[in-house]
Amino acid sequence: MVLPVQLTRRESSTVTRRRLVESAIDLVRTEGAAAATTGRIARAAGLAQASFYAHFTDRDACLEAAATEIGEHVLARLRAALLPIDGRDLRGSIRRVFAALLDVFVAHRELTLVFIAHRADPTSPLGVGLRRSLGRARADLITAIRLYGVRPSAAEAACYAEILVSVMLGLAESVLAGRVEPELGLDAVADVTYGALRALVVRPP
C-alpha cells in the first residue's frame, strides 16, 4: 500500500500559488487579460476565492506573477541559445538564437500577442512582468554581444541590446500576423544582426 505524500504547509502554499498562476496564464491565453478576474482565476484553480487572497493581494499581483513566469521561460530559452556560440559560424549562431525565441513565441501565440500589446502600458500588470523579463534579456544580450567579439561602451551595448529585443518582438509579431514567412524572417534578422556585429568588430578605434 502506497501512502499519500504529506506536504508541509510551505510546500502546500507553493503548490496552491502555482495553480493560481497557471490558471491566470490559461485565462489570459484563451480569453484575454480582462477575463482573468480573481474569482475566475480561483475557480479555474479549483479553489475558493478567499484562497486567492491568501497568496496574492489582488488580481494585478497575480497577473504580474503570471507574466514573470512566462518571461522566465523565454529567458531560459534565450540563455540556452546564447551559450553555444560557434566562432566559425557566427551568423548561424545568431540565427539559432532568434529561431529558439521565435519557437517559444509561436508555440504561445495568444500569450505573445497579449504581451506585445501590453508591454508598453505602464498601468498593465502584464506589462510590468514582461518589462522585468525584457530587462534581464537585455542584460543577457549585452553579455552575448561581448562574447561575439564586440567591445562597445556601456551605452552602446545597451543600445544594441534594446534594438535586438525590438527586432525579435517585431519578427514575432510579423510572423504571427502572417506578414512574414518564418524562415525568411529568421534569415533576414540573422543577416542584419551579423552584418552589424561584423562592422562593429572591425570598426576602427
Protein backbone atom coordinates (compact mmCIF):
# COMPACT_ATOMS: atom_id res chain seq x y z
CA MET A 1 0.00 0.00 0.00
CA VAL A 2 1.39 3.40 -1.05
CA LEU A 3 0.71 6.13 1.49
CA PRO A 4 -0.08 9.64 0.18
CA VAL A 5 2.75 12.14 0.44
CA GLN A 6 2.06 14.70 3.15
CA LEU A 7 3.12 18.19 2.08
CA THR A 8 4.43 20.72 4.53
CA ARG A 9 2.48 23.95 4.92
CA ARG A 10 5.10 25.79 2.85
CA GLU A 11 5.04 23.16 0.10
CA SER A 12 1.24 23.21 0.03
CA SER A 13 1.27 27.01 -0.24
CA THR A 14 3.76 26.85 -3.12
CA VAL A 15 1.60 24.32 -4.98
CA THR A 16 -1.54 26.41 -4.49
CA ARG A 17 0.19 29.59 -5.64
CA ARG A 18 1.42 27.79 -8.76
CA ARG A 19 -2.11 26.57 -9.53
CA LEU A 20 -3.37 30.13 -9.34
CA VAL A 21 -0.61 31.43 -11.61
CA GLU A 22 -1.19 28.65 -14.13
CA SER A 23 -4.94 29.36 -14.09
CA ALA A 24 -4.26 33.05 -14.71
CA ILE A 25 -1.96 32.20 -17.62
CA ASP A 26 -4.57 29.90 -19.14
CA LEU A 27 -7.33 32.51 -18.86
CA VAL A 28 -5.15 35.20 -20.40
CA ARG A 29 -4.17 32.83 -23.19
CA THR A 30 -7.69 31.69 -24.03
CA GLU A 31 -9.87 34.71 -23.21
CA GLY A 32 -7.61 37.72 -22.69
CA ALA A 33 -6.49 39.67 -19.66
CA ALA A 34 -9.94 41.10 -18.89
CA ALA A 35 -11.27 37.58 -18.27
CA ALA A 36 -8.70 36.89 -15.56
CA THR A 37 -10.67 38.13 -12.54
CA THR A 38 -9.82 36.91 -9.05
CA GLY A 39 -12.99 34.82 -8.93
CA ARG A 40 -12.39 33.14 -12.27
CA ILE A 41 -8.71 32.53 -11.53
CA ALA A 42 -9.64 30.86 -8.23
CA ARG A 43 -12.42 28.77 -9.77
CA ALA A 44 -10.18 27.61 -12.61
CA ALA A 45 -7.64 26.51 -9.99
CA GLY A 46 -10.34 24.61 -8.10
CA LEU A 47 -10.17 26.96 -5.11
CA ALA A 48 -12.46 29.26 -3.20
CA GLN A 49 -11.98 32.94 -3.95
CA ALA A 50 -10.84 33.51 -0.35
CA SER A 51 -7.87 31.23 -1.05
CA PHE A 52 -6.74 33.61 -3.79
CA TYR A 53 -6.17 36.41 -1.29
CA ALA A 54 -4.03 34.16 0.89
CA HIS A 55 -1.46 34.21 -1.94
CA PHE A 56 -1.97 37.48 -3.83
CA THR A 57 -3.06 40.89 -2.67
CA ASP A 58 -5.11 41.44 -5.83
CA ARG A 59 -5.64 40.44 -9.44
CA ASP A 60 -2.78 42.63 -10.69
CA ALA A 61 -0.26 40.89 -8.42
CA CYS A 62 -1.30 37.51 -9.82
CA LEU A 63 -1.14 38.70 -13.43
CA GLU A 64 2.28 40.22 -12.82
CA ALA A 65 3.46 36.88 -11.40
CA ALA A 66 2.00 35.12 -14.45
CA ALA A 67 3.84 37.46 -16.82
CA THR A 68 7.07 36.93 -14.90
CA GLU A 69 6.63 33.16 -15.08
CA ILE A 70 6.28 33.24 -18.85
CA GLY A 71 9.16 35.69 -19.13
CA GLU A 72 11.41 33.34 -17.18
CA HIS A 73 10.58 30.54 -19.62
CA VAL A 74 11.56 32.74 -22.55
CA LEU A 75 14.74 33.82 -20.76
CA ALA A 76 15.73 30.20 -20.19
CA ARG A 77 15.43 29.53 -23.92
CA LEU A 78 17.41 32.69 -24.70
CA ARG A 79 20.24 31.76 -22.34
CA ALA A 80 20.43 28.21 -23.68
CA ALA A 81 20.62 29.52 -27.25
CA LEU A 82 23.23 32.18 -26.46
CA LEU A 83 25.76 29.78 -24.96
CA PRO A 84 26.74 27.54 -27.91
CA ILE A 85 28.46 30.25 -29.96
CA ASP A 86 30.34 28.79 -32.92
CA GLY A 87 33.22 31.11 -33.77
CA ARG A 88 33.40 29.56 -37.24
CA ASP A 89 29.73 30.31 -37.93
CA LEU A 90 28.68 33.45 -36.11
CA ARG A 91 25.80 34.13 -38.46
CA GLY A 92 24.46 30.61 -37.85
CA SER A 93 24.82 31.07 -34.10
CA ILE A 94 22.88 34.34 -34.26
CA ARG A 95 20.14 32.73 -36.35
CA ARG A 96 19.80 29.90 -33.84
CA VAL A 97 19.23 32.41 -31.04
CA PHE A 98 16.43 34.11 -32.96
CA ALA A 99 14.97 30.74 -34.01
CA ALA A 100 14.86 29.46 -30.43
CA LEU A 101 12.99 32.55 -29.27
CA LEU A 102 10.63 32.56 -32.24
CA ASP A 103 9.75 28.92 -31.48
CA VAL A 104 8.64 29.96 -27.99
CA PHE A 105 6.61 32.90 -29.25
CA VAL A 106 4.88 30.84 -31.94
CA ALA A 107 4.14 27.99 -29.51
CA HIS A 108 2.41 30.53 -27.21
CA ARG A 109 0.78 32.60 -29.92
CA GLU A 110 -2.10 34.06 -27.90
CA LEU A 111 0.11 34.97 -24.95
CA THR A 112 2.72 36.53 -27.21
CA LEU A 113 0.14 38.80 -28.81
CA VAL A 114 -1.28 39.77 -25.41
CA PHE A 115 2.13 40.64 -24.03
CA ILE A 116 3.19 42.58 -27.12
CA ALA A 117 0.01 44.62 -26.74
CA HIS A 118 0.65 45.25 -23.03
CA ARG A 119 4.42 45.71 -22.90
CA ALA A 120 4.37 49.49 -23.29
CA ASP A 121 1.39 50.07 -20.97
CA PRO A 122 2.68 51.42 -17.62
CA THR A 123 -0.64 50.55 -15.94
CA SER A 124 -0.72 46.92 -17.07
CA PRO A 125 0.44 44.23 -14.61
CA LEU A 126 1.20 42.04 -17.59
CA GLY A 127 3.36 44.83 -18.95
CA VAL A 128 5.18 45.18 -15.62
CA GLY A 129 6.05 41.48 -15.54
CA LEU A 130 7.08 41.43 -19.16
CA ARG A 131 9.26 44.53 -18.89
CA ARG A 132 11.08 42.99 -15.94
CA SER A 133 11.90 39.92 -18.03
CA LEU A 134 12.89 42.06 -21.01
CA GLY A 135 15.29 43.94 -18.75
CA ARG A 136 17.04 40.68 -17.89
CA ALA A 137 17.03 39.69 -21.56
CA ARG A 138 18.81 42.94 -22.42
CA ALA A 139 21.47 42.20 -19.80
CA ASP A 140 22.00 38.72 -21.29
CA LEU A 141 22.26 40.20 -24.77
CA ILE A 142 24.86 42.73 -23.64
CA THR A 143 26.96 39.81 -22.37
CA ALA A 144 26.41 37.94 -25.63
CA ILE A 145 27.44 40.94 -27.74
CA ARG A 146 30.80 40.91 -25.99
CA LEU A 147 31.10 37.14 -26.49
CA TYR A 148 30.73 37.77 -30.23
CA GLY A 149 33.92 39.82 -30.08
CA VAL A 150 32.37 43.28 -29.94
CA ARG A 151 33.68 45.68 -27.30
CA PRO A 152 31.17 48.54 -27.16
CA SER A 153 30.85 51.11 -24.44
CA ALA A 154 28.16 50.52 -21.81
CA ALA A 155 25.84 52.98 -23.55
CA GLU A 156 26.44 51.39 -26.97
CA ALA A 157 25.88 47.88 -25.60
CA ALA A 158 22.58 48.94 -24.00
CA CYS A 159 21.51 50.50 -27.30
CA TYR A 160 22.36 47.35 -29.30
CA ALA A 161 20.55 45.12 -26.79
CA GLU A 162 17.45 47.33 -26.95
CA ILE A 163 17.44 47.14 -30.74
CA LEU A 164 17.86 43.35 -30.70
CA VAL A 165 14.90 42.95 -28.32
CA SER A 166 12.78 45.17 -30.56
CA VAL A 167 13.84 43.21 -33.64
CA MET A 168 12.88 39.92 -32.00
CA LEU A 169 9.48 41.16 -30.88
CA GLY A 170 8.89 42.73 -34.29
CA LEU A 171 9.74 39.47 -36.02
CA ALA A 172 7.43 37.52 -33.71
CA GLU A 173 4.56 39.94 -34.30
CA SER A 174 5.07 39.87 -38.08
CA VAL A 175 5.23 36.07 -38.22
CA LEU A 176 2.14 35.64 -36.01
CA ALA A 177 0.23 38.16 -38.14
CA GLY A 178 1.17 36.21 -41.27
CA ARG A 179 3.06 39.11 -42.83
CA VAL A 180 6.44 37.34 -42.79
CA GLU A 181 7.36 33.73 -43.52
CA PRO A 182 9.33 32.41 -40.50
CA GLU A 183 12.39 31.11 -42.33
CA LEU A 184 12.74 34.22 -44.45
CA GLY A 185 12.29 36.39 -41.39
CA LEU A 186 14.95 34.48 -39.48
CA ASP A 187 17.37 34.76 -42.39
CA ALA A 188 16.75 38.50 -42.61
CA VAL A 189 17.29 39.27 -38.92
CA ALA A 190 20.34 36.98 -38.79
CA ASP A 191 21.89 38.71 -41.83
CA VAL A 192 21.24 42.21 -40.47
CA THR A 193 22.47 41.38 -36.95
CA TYR A 194 25.56 39.55 -38.20
CA GLY A 195 26.39 42.39 -40.58
CA ALA A 196 26.07 44.97 -37.81
CA LEU A 197 28.19 42.99 -35.36
CA ARG A 198 30.83 42.34 -38.00
CA ALA A 199 31.06 46.03 -38.76
CA LEU A 200 31.49 46.76 -35.07
CA VAL A 201 34.25 44.17 -34.70
CA VAL A 202 36.31 45.73 -37.49
CA ARG A 203 35.35 49.33 -36.68
CA PRO A 204 38.47 51.46 -36.30
CA PRO A 205 39.15 53.00 -32.88
